[in-house]
Protein backbone atom coordinates (compact mmCIF):
# COMPACT_ATOMS: atom_id res chain seq x y z
CA MET A 1 56.74 87.51 32.54
CA ASN A 2 53.20 88.14 33.61
CA ASP A 3 51.98 86.80 36.91
CA PRO A 4 49.14 84.29 36.26
CA SER A 5 47.11 85.80 39.05
CA GLU A 6 47.59 89.38 37.87
CA PRO A 7 44.77 90.77 35.71
CA THR A 8 45.74 92.14 32.35
CA GLN A 9 44.18 94.21 29.64
CA SER A 10 41.89 92.94 26.91
CA PRO A 11 43.27 92.77 23.34
CA GLN A 12 41.23 95.82 22.38
CA ALA A 13 42.93 97.90 25.07
CA SER A 14 46.42 96.43 25.15
CA SER A 15 48.27 98.66 22.71
CA ALA A 16 50.37 100.06 25.54
CA ALA A 17 51.50 96.65 26.80
CA PRO A 18 55.09 95.57 26.10
CA ALA A 19 55.39 93.32 23.06
CA ALA A 20 57.85 90.68 24.24
CA GLY A 21 59.48 91.59 27.56
CA PRO A 22 62.40 93.85 28.39
CA SER A 23 65.01 91.84 26.47
CA ALA A 24 63.07 91.69 23.22
CA PRO A 25 64.35 93.79 20.28
CA PRO A 26 62.19 96.69 19.15
CA ALA A 27 59.47 95.74 16.67
CA PRO A 28 60.19 96.73 13.07
CA PRO A 29 57.98 99.41 11.56
CA PRO A 30 54.94 98.20 9.60
CA ALA A 31 55.33 97.73 5.87
CA ARG A 32 54.13 100.51 3.59
CA GLN A 33 50.69 99.78 2.19
CA GLU A 34 50.00 100.10 -1.52
CA THR A 35 46.90 101.92 -2.63
CA PRO A 36 44.14 99.76 -4.19
CA GLY A 37 44.58 101.56 -7.49
CA ALA A 38 48.30 100.78 -7.60
CA VAL A 39 47.62 97.12 -6.81
CA ARG A 40 45.02 96.89 -9.59
CA ARG A 41 47.34 98.52 -12.12
CA ARG A 42 50.18 96.17 -11.24
CA ALA A 43 47.84 93.16 -11.41
CA SER A 44 46.52 94.26 -14.80
CA LEU A 45 50.04 94.66 -16.20
CA ALA A 46 51.04 91.24 -14.86
CA GLY A 47 47.92 89.64 -16.35
CA ALA A 48 48.52 91.29 -19.74
CA ALA A 49 52.14 90.11 -19.75
CA VAL A 50 51.12 86.51 -19.00
CA CYS A 51 48.48 86.66 -21.77
CA VAL A 52 51.09 87.82 -24.29
CA LEU A 53 53.46 85.05 -23.22
CA LEU A 54 50.70 82.44 -23.52
CA ILE A 55 49.73 83.64 -27.02
CA ILE A 56 53.37 83.47 -28.10
CA ALA A 57 53.63 79.95 -26.64
CA ILE A 58 50.49 78.89 -28.52
CA VAL A 59 51.83 80.24 -31.81
CA LEU A 60 55.27 78.69 -31.38
CA GLY A 61 54.04 75.42 -29.86
CA SER A 62 51.59 74.85 -32.72
CA ARG A 63 54.41 75.47 -35.22
CA LEU A 64 53.15 78.89 -36.29
CA LEU A 65 49.52 77.68 -36.04
CA THR A 66 50.13 74.80 -38.46
CA ASP A 67 48.80 72.31 -35.89
CA PHE A 68 46.21 74.69 -34.42
CA ASP A 69 42.61 73.52 -34.87
CA SER A 70 40.41 76.52 -35.67
CA ALA A 71 37.38 74.64 -34.32
CA LEU A 72 38.98 74.90 -30.87
CA LEU A 73 39.49 78.67 -31.09
CA PRO A 74 36.81 79.51 -28.44
CA TYR A 75 38.55 77.19 -25.98
CA ALA A 76 41.94 78.79 -26.69
CA VAL A 77 40.51 82.29 -26.22
CA ALA A 78 38.96 81.18 -22.92
CA THR A 79 42.35 79.91 -21.70
CA VAL A 80 43.88 83.32 -22.45
CA PHE A 81 41.15 84.99 -20.37
CA LEU A 82 41.78 82.34 -17.70
CA ALA A 83 45.48 83.20 -17.64
CA PHE A 84 44.68 86.91 -17.24
CA GLY A 85 42.12 86.30 -14.48
CA ILE A 86 44.36 83.98 -12.48
CA THR A 87 47.35 86.30 -12.74
CA TYR A 88 45.27 89.35 -11.87
CA ARG A 89 43.63 87.86 -8.80
CA TYR A 90 46.79 86.10 -7.63
CA THR A 91 48.71 89.38 -7.81
CA VAL A 92 46.00 91.16 -5.84
CA TRP A 93 45.91 88.31 -3.32
CA ILE A 94 49.63 88.33 -2.56
CA SER A 95 49.55 92.13 -2.26
CA SER A 96 47.77 91.85 1.09
CA PRO A 97 50.18 91.91 4.08
CA GLY A 98 49.37 88.42 5.37
CA ALA A 99 49.52 86.63 2.00
CA ARG A 100 52.64 88.55 0.96
CA ARG A 101 54.54 87.50 4.07
CA LEU A 102 53.51 83.87 3.73
CA PHE A 103 54.33 83.93 0.01
CA ARG A 104 57.84 85.25 0.62
CA GLN A 105 58.53 82.88 3.49
CA GLY A 106 57.34 79.94 1.40
CA TRP A 107 59.63 80.75 -1.53
CA ARG A 108 62.52 81.46 0.85
CA SER A 109 62.10 78.00 2.36
CA PHE A 110 61.71 76.46 -1.11
CA PHE A 111 65.02 77.86 -2.40
CA SER A 112 66.94 77.34 0.84
CA ALA A 113 69.96 75.10 0.28
CA ALA A 114 70.21 74.52 4.03
CA ASN A 115 66.63 73.20 4.14
CA PHE A 116 67.34 70.86 1.24
CA ARG A 117 70.47 69.45 2.89
CA ARG A 118 68.68 69.00 6.21
CA ALA A 119 65.46 67.48 4.83
CA PRO A 120 65.83 66.60 1.12
CA THR A 121 62.58 64.61 0.98
CA ALA A 122 60.42 67.13 2.85
CA LEU A 123 59.20 69.10 -0.19
CA PRO A 124 58.34 66.08 -2.40
CA ARG A 125 56.57 64.44 0.54
CA MET A 126 54.51 67.58 1.23
CA ILE A 127 53.61 67.98 -2.43
CA ALA A 128 52.40 64.40 -2.54
CA THR A 129 50.51 64.35 0.77
CA TYR A 130 49.32 67.95 1.11
CA LEU A 131 48.78 68.96 -2.52
CA GLY A 132 48.25 65.67 -4.35
CA PHE A 133 46.44 63.38 -1.92
CA GLN A 134 45.18 66.21 0.36
CA LYS A 135 45.43 64.08 3.49
CA PHE A 136 44.37 67.01 5.70
CA LEU A 137 40.82 66.57 4.32
CA GLY A 138 40.63 63.04 5.71
CA ALA A 139 40.43 64.46 9.24
CA ARG A 140 37.06 66.05 8.34
CA SER A 141 35.44 63.12 6.56
CA HIS A 142 36.70 60.14 4.58
CA ALA A 143 33.79 60.50 2.15
CA ARG A 144 34.57 64.17 1.51
CA TRP A 145 38.24 63.31 1.05
CA ALA A 146 37.36 60.64 -1.53
CA ALA A 147 35.04 63.04 -3.39
CA HIS A 148 37.74 65.72 -3.41
CA GLN A 149 40.19 63.21 -4.83
CA LEU A 150 37.79 62.20 -7.61
CA ILE A 151 37.23 65.81 -8.65
CA PHE A 152 40.90 66.74 -8.28
CA TRP A 153 42.34 63.91 -10.36
CA GLY A 154 39.51 64.12 -12.89
CA CYS A 155 40.18 67.82 -13.44
CA VAL A 156 43.95 67.28 -13.57
CA LEU A 157 43.54 64.57 -16.22
CA ALA A 158 41.13 66.72 -18.23
CA ALA A 159 43.46 69.74 -18.06
CA LEU A 160 46.51 67.71 -19.13
CA ILE A 161 44.60 66.55 -22.19
CA THR A 162 42.46 69.57 -23.08
CA PHE A 163 44.89 72.45 -22.76
CA PRO A 164 47.68 71.03 -25.00
CA LEU A 165 45.10 69.92 -27.58
CA THR A 166 43.44 73.34 -27.51
CA TRP A 167 46.77 75.11 -28.00
CA GLY A 168 47.84 72.82 -30.83
CA TRP A 169 50.69 71.32 -28.85
CA PHE A 170 49.29 67.78 -29.06
CA THR A 171 48.37 66.20 -32.38
CA PHE A 172 47.33 62.69 -33.36
CA THR A 173 48.12 61.74 -36.94
CA SER A 174 47.77 58.51 -38.90
CA PRO A 175 50.64 57.58 -41.21
CA THR A 176 48.18 55.74 -43.49
CA GLY A 177 45.52 58.43 -43.29
CA SER A 178 42.83 56.00 -42.10
CA GLY A 179 44.32 54.21 -39.06
CA PRO A 180 44.29 52.12 -37.00
CA GLY A 181 47.89 53.15 -36.34
CA TYR A 182 48.34 56.66 -34.90
CA ASP A 183 51.29 58.81 -33.87
CA MET A 184 51.13 61.17 -30.93
CA ARG A 185 53.20 64.28 -31.54
CA ILE A 186 54.16 67.07 -29.15
CA TRP A 187 55.26 70.32 -30.80
CA GLY A 188 55.56 68.39 -34.04
CA PHE A 189 57.89 65.72 -32.64
CA LYS A 190 56.72 62.13 -32.56
CA VAL A 191 56.50 60.81 -29.01
CA LEU A 192 54.96 57.40 -29.51
CA GLY A 193 52.87 55.34 -31.87
CA PHE A 194 49.90 53.18 -30.90
CA ASP A 195 47.09 51.09 -32.31
CA ALA A 196 43.75 52.82 -31.96
CA LEU A 197 42.01 49.42 -31.62
CA SER A 198 44.15 48.35 -28.64
CA PHE A 199 43.30 48.99 -24.99
CA PHE A 200 46.01 51.66 -24.81
CA GLY A 201 44.58 53.32 -27.89
CA TRP A 202 41.09 53.27 -26.38
CA VAL A 203 42.41 54.94 -23.22
CA MET A 204 44.25 57.56 -25.29
CA PHE A 205 41.12 58.54 -27.21
CA HIS A 206 38.76 58.29 -24.22
CA GLY A 207 40.87 59.98 -21.54
CA LEU A 208 38.39 62.86 -21.29
CA ASP A 209 35.55 60.37 -20.81
CA LEU A 210 37.41 58.76 -17.91
CA ALA A 211 38.02 62.20 -16.40
CA ALA A 212 34.31 63.01 -16.79
CA VAL A 213 33.31 59.86 -14.89
CA LEU A 214 35.61 60.79 -12.00
CA VAL A 215 34.31 64.36 -11.85
CA ILE A 216 30.65 63.29 -12.03
CA ALA A 217 31.13 60.91 -9.10
CA GLY A 218 32.84 63.53 -6.92
CA ALA A 219 30.59 66.46 -7.86
CA SER A 220 27.43 64.35 -7.38
CA TYR A 221 28.46 63.56 -3.82
CA PHE A 222 28.94 67.24 -3.01
CA MET A 223 25.63 68.15 -4.65
CA TRP A 224 23.91 65.47 -2.56
CA ARG A 225 25.65 66.74 0.58
CA ARG A 226 24.60 70.33 -0.10
CA MET A 227 21.00 69.18 -0.47
CA LYS A 228 20.95 67.01 2.67
CA ASP A 229 23.54 68.24 5.17
CA ARG A 230 22.13 70.94 7.47
CA GLY A 231 25.51 72.49 8.08
CA ALA A 232 26.20 72.82 4.37
CA ILE A 233 22.69 74.12 3.63
CA THR A 234 22.94 76.81 6.31
CA GLY A 235 26.08 78.48 4.98
CA GLN A 236 25.95 77.77 1.27
CA ARG A 237 25.50 80.38 -1.43
CA PHE A 238 24.11 79.52 -4.84
CA ALA A 239 26.62 81.47 -6.93
CA TYR A 240 29.63 80.54 -4.81
CA ASP A 241 28.92 76.93 -3.80
CA LEU A 242 26.43 75.44 -6.28
CA ILE A 243 27.31 77.09 -9.60
CA PRO A 244 30.84 75.54 -9.71
CA LEU A 245 29.43 72.05 -9.05
CA ILE A 246 26.70 72.52 -11.66
CA ALA A 247 29.30 73.71 -14.18
CA LEU A 248 31.47 70.64 -13.57
CA LEU A 249 28.49 68.33 -13.98
CA VAL A 250 27.33 70.03 -17.20
CA ILE A 251 30.83 69.85 -18.70
CA SER A 252 31.24 66.19 -17.78
CA VAL A 253 27.75 65.07 -18.83
CA THR A 254 27.82 66.89 -22.18
CA GLY A 255 31.30 65.50 -22.84
CA LEU A 256 30.05 61.95 -22.29
CA LEU A 257 26.99 62.65 -24.43
CA LEU A 258 29.27 63.70 -27.29
CA THR A 259 30.92 60.28 -27.17
CA PHE A 260 27.52 58.58 -26.86
CA SER A 261 26.21 60.49 -29.87
CA SER A 262 29.17 59.62 -32.08
CA ILE A 263 29.15 55.91 -31.17
CA PHE A 264 25.48 55.01 -30.74
CA LEU A 265 23.50 57.77 -32.50
CA HIS A 266 25.70 58.13 -35.59
CA GLY A 267 26.25 61.81 -34.75
CA GLY A 268 22.64 62.66 -33.95
CA GLY A 269 22.43 65.89 -31.94
CA TYR A 270 26.20 66.20 -31.97
CA GLU A 271 26.30 69.85 -33.07
CA PHE A 272 23.94 71.01 -30.32
CA LEU A 273 25.84 69.03 -27.69
CA ALA A 274 29.15 70.38 -28.96
CA ILE A 275 27.92 73.99 -28.63
CA LEU A 276 26.48 73.33 -25.14
CA HIS A 277 29.72 71.68 -24.07
CA MET A 278 31.81 74.54 -25.44
CA VAL A 279 29.67 77.18 -23.71
CA SER A 280 29.90 75.39 -20.36
CA VAL A 281 33.68 74.97 -20.64
CA VAL A 282 34.27 78.59 -21.67
CA PHE A 283 32.01 79.87 -18.86
CA THR A 284 33.83 77.74 -16.28
CA LEU A 285 37.30 78.79 -17.43
CA ILE A 286 36.39 82.49 -17.33
CA HIS A 287 34.61 82.14 -13.98
CA LEU A 288 37.33 80.05 -12.31
CA PRO A 289 39.67 82.88 -11.17
CA PHE A 290 36.82 84.78 -9.52
CA GLY A 291 34.89 81.97 -7.86
CA LYS A 292 35.33 79.18 -5.39
CA PHE A 293 37.76 77.24 -7.57
CA PHE A 294 40.42 79.91 -7.14
CA HIS A 295 41.59 77.92 -4.09
CA ILE A 296 43.04 75.45 -6.64
CA VAL A 297 45.53 78.16 -7.58
CA GLN A 298 46.12 79.21 -3.97
CA ARG A 299 46.76 75.71 -2.65
CA PRO A 300 50.36 75.31 -3.95
CA ALA A 301 51.36 78.43 -2.00
CA ALA A 302 50.28 76.66 1.18
CA VAL A 303 52.88 73.95 0.52
CA GLY A 304 55.63 76.52 0.89
CA MET A 305 54.18 77.65 4.21
CA GLN A 306 54.03 74.06 5.44
CA LEU A 307 57.70 73.67 4.48
CA PHE A 308 58.50 76.91 6.33
CA LYS A 309 56.90 75.57 9.52
CA TYR A 310 58.39 72.08 9.09
CA THR A 311 61.98 73.30 8.79
CA ALA A 312 61.52 75.47 11.89
CA ARG A 313 60.34 72.42 13.84
CA GLN A 314 63.39 70.50 12.66
CA ASP A 315 65.54 73.23 14.21
CA GLU A 316 63.45 72.95 17.40
CA GLN A 317 62.40 76.59 17.10
CA ILE A 318 59.24 76.15 19.14
CA PHE A 319 57.54 79.20 20.64
CA THR A 320 56.03 78.59 24.06
CA CYS A 321 53.17 80.47 25.71
CA ARG A 322 54.35 83.37 27.89
CA ARG A 323 51.86 82.43 30.62
CA CYS A 324 51.75 78.64 30.87
CA GLY A 325 54.76 77.53 28.83
CA ASP A 326 52.86 75.20 26.50
CA PRO A 327 54.08 75.13 22.88
CA ILE A 328 52.08 77.31 20.50
CA ASP A 329 53.80 76.98 17.13
CA THR A 330 57.20 77.53 15.58
CA THR A 331 59.01 80.74 16.55
CA PRO A 332 59.37 82.00 12.94
CA TYR A 333 55.65 81.44 12.36
CA VAL A 334 54.64 83.44 15.46
CA GLU A 335 57.05 86.23 14.52
CA ASN A 336 55.62 86.21 11.00
CA LEU A 337 52.10 86.49 12.43
CA GLN A 338 53.11 89.40 14.65
CA GLY A 339 54.69 91.18 11.69
CA THR A 340 51.49 90.78 9.71
CA MET A 341 49.44 92.18 12.58
CA ARG A 342 51.75 95.21 12.73
CA ASP A 343 51.39 95.70 8.98
CA LEU A 344 47.63 95.70 9.43
CA LYS A 345 48.00 98.20 12.30
CA LEU A 346 46.44 95.81 14.83
CA ASP A 347 47.78 97.10 18.11
CA PHE A 348 47.65 93.86 20.04
CA ASP A 349 50.28 91.73 18.25
CA GLU A 350 51.77 90.70 21.63
CA TRP A 351 48.72 88.51 22.16
CA ALA A 352 50.11 86.11 19.56
CA GLN A 353 52.53 85.06 22.32
CA TYR A 354 49.78 83.36 24.35
CA CYS A 355 48.06 80.02 23.75
CA PRO A 356 44.27 80.03 23.13
CA ARG A 357 43.46 78.89 26.68
CA CYS A 358 45.55 81.61 28.29
CA LYS A 359 44.02 84.22 26.02
CA ARG A 360 40.58 83.26 27.29
CA VAL A 361 41.76 83.34 30.94
CA LEU A 362 43.42 86.73 30.56
CA ARG A 363 40.43 88.19 28.75
CA GLY A 364 38.17 86.92 31.54
CA ASN A 365 40.40 88.46 34.20
CA ALA A 366 40.47 91.75 32.31
CA TYR A 367 36.68 91.72 32.08
CA LEU A 368 36.29 91.12 35.81
CA THR A 369 38.82 93.83 36.64
CA HIS A 370 37.99 96.60 34.18
CA VAL A 371 34.34 96.05 33.22
CA LYS A 372 32.37 94.21 35.84
CA LYS A 373 33.77 96.20 38.75
CA GLY A 374 31.86 99.19 37.40
CA PHE A 375 28.59 97.48 38.37
CA LYS A 376 29.51 97.08 42.04
């Protein structure tokens, strides 16, 4: 143990310091790093494989394209590009040492029978609170949390409707050919029948309009915030922060205008609106894996990490600061962080064993001892 009054080295000059005391086992060697070219090749192969699987699923799910609507072909092509982009970037992301370690630990905790026996409700509770209702955002601002929820559930509803319809998995058919009775079929099998003139029927045919209203409300708040909030204005970038919000608004507004045109304008301007809507949707789907919305794909991986930390706390595996003894985090999490730092060849991984306050104190002592004394 270090003496609190004894000066120590700064993180930049501490590579020679012992990692965890005399009784600690030797640190494992850092993981072998893949070359960027090898990572890109593997990501491209993974993306191509997912695209092939999606195309096969579209063909089989639409009953050999019998239920596939050719008018929706641009949307279907965009989803194939979306699948490639998400798979490509996700593969590249988890190839980095930090993400790879967290990814493996998350899946290990997810498939652990011991974790399930000890805390069977932990994973469903985390999915609901961390992924679904995103309660961690409420600590920042209740208004931002509400806006996130509006966008999240609006996009989820739109995706659940749009993707199956685009792929030909969902069909709505009328036994009489003219309504008002309709059958909803999935992969050709009848799921339920409903009256198009009933409230349920109205909701079924206007689900995308309801999703558009939710998204417009949430995206409008964030647009207003980025125009008024000084903190948001200072750090925002047009392509990264504003383009995604503009795309969501254009998709939602043009979608509502399509309904408005068909009901109140007898189809006036429908073709132009349909093309504008299609272009905005295709652009957003292709842009999604390489822009700000990629965090939607990354977020589920964070649930596994939360489960990893939660199960360690249940076992009371708490790592305490080497200097003051205050708890820092779970022991497996600190060890995972140190392993990542070794993989990145950061030669001060032992500093993960100190709490933030002690790090500042030790850095100050090192500065007084090794830097400022040169001015005396």
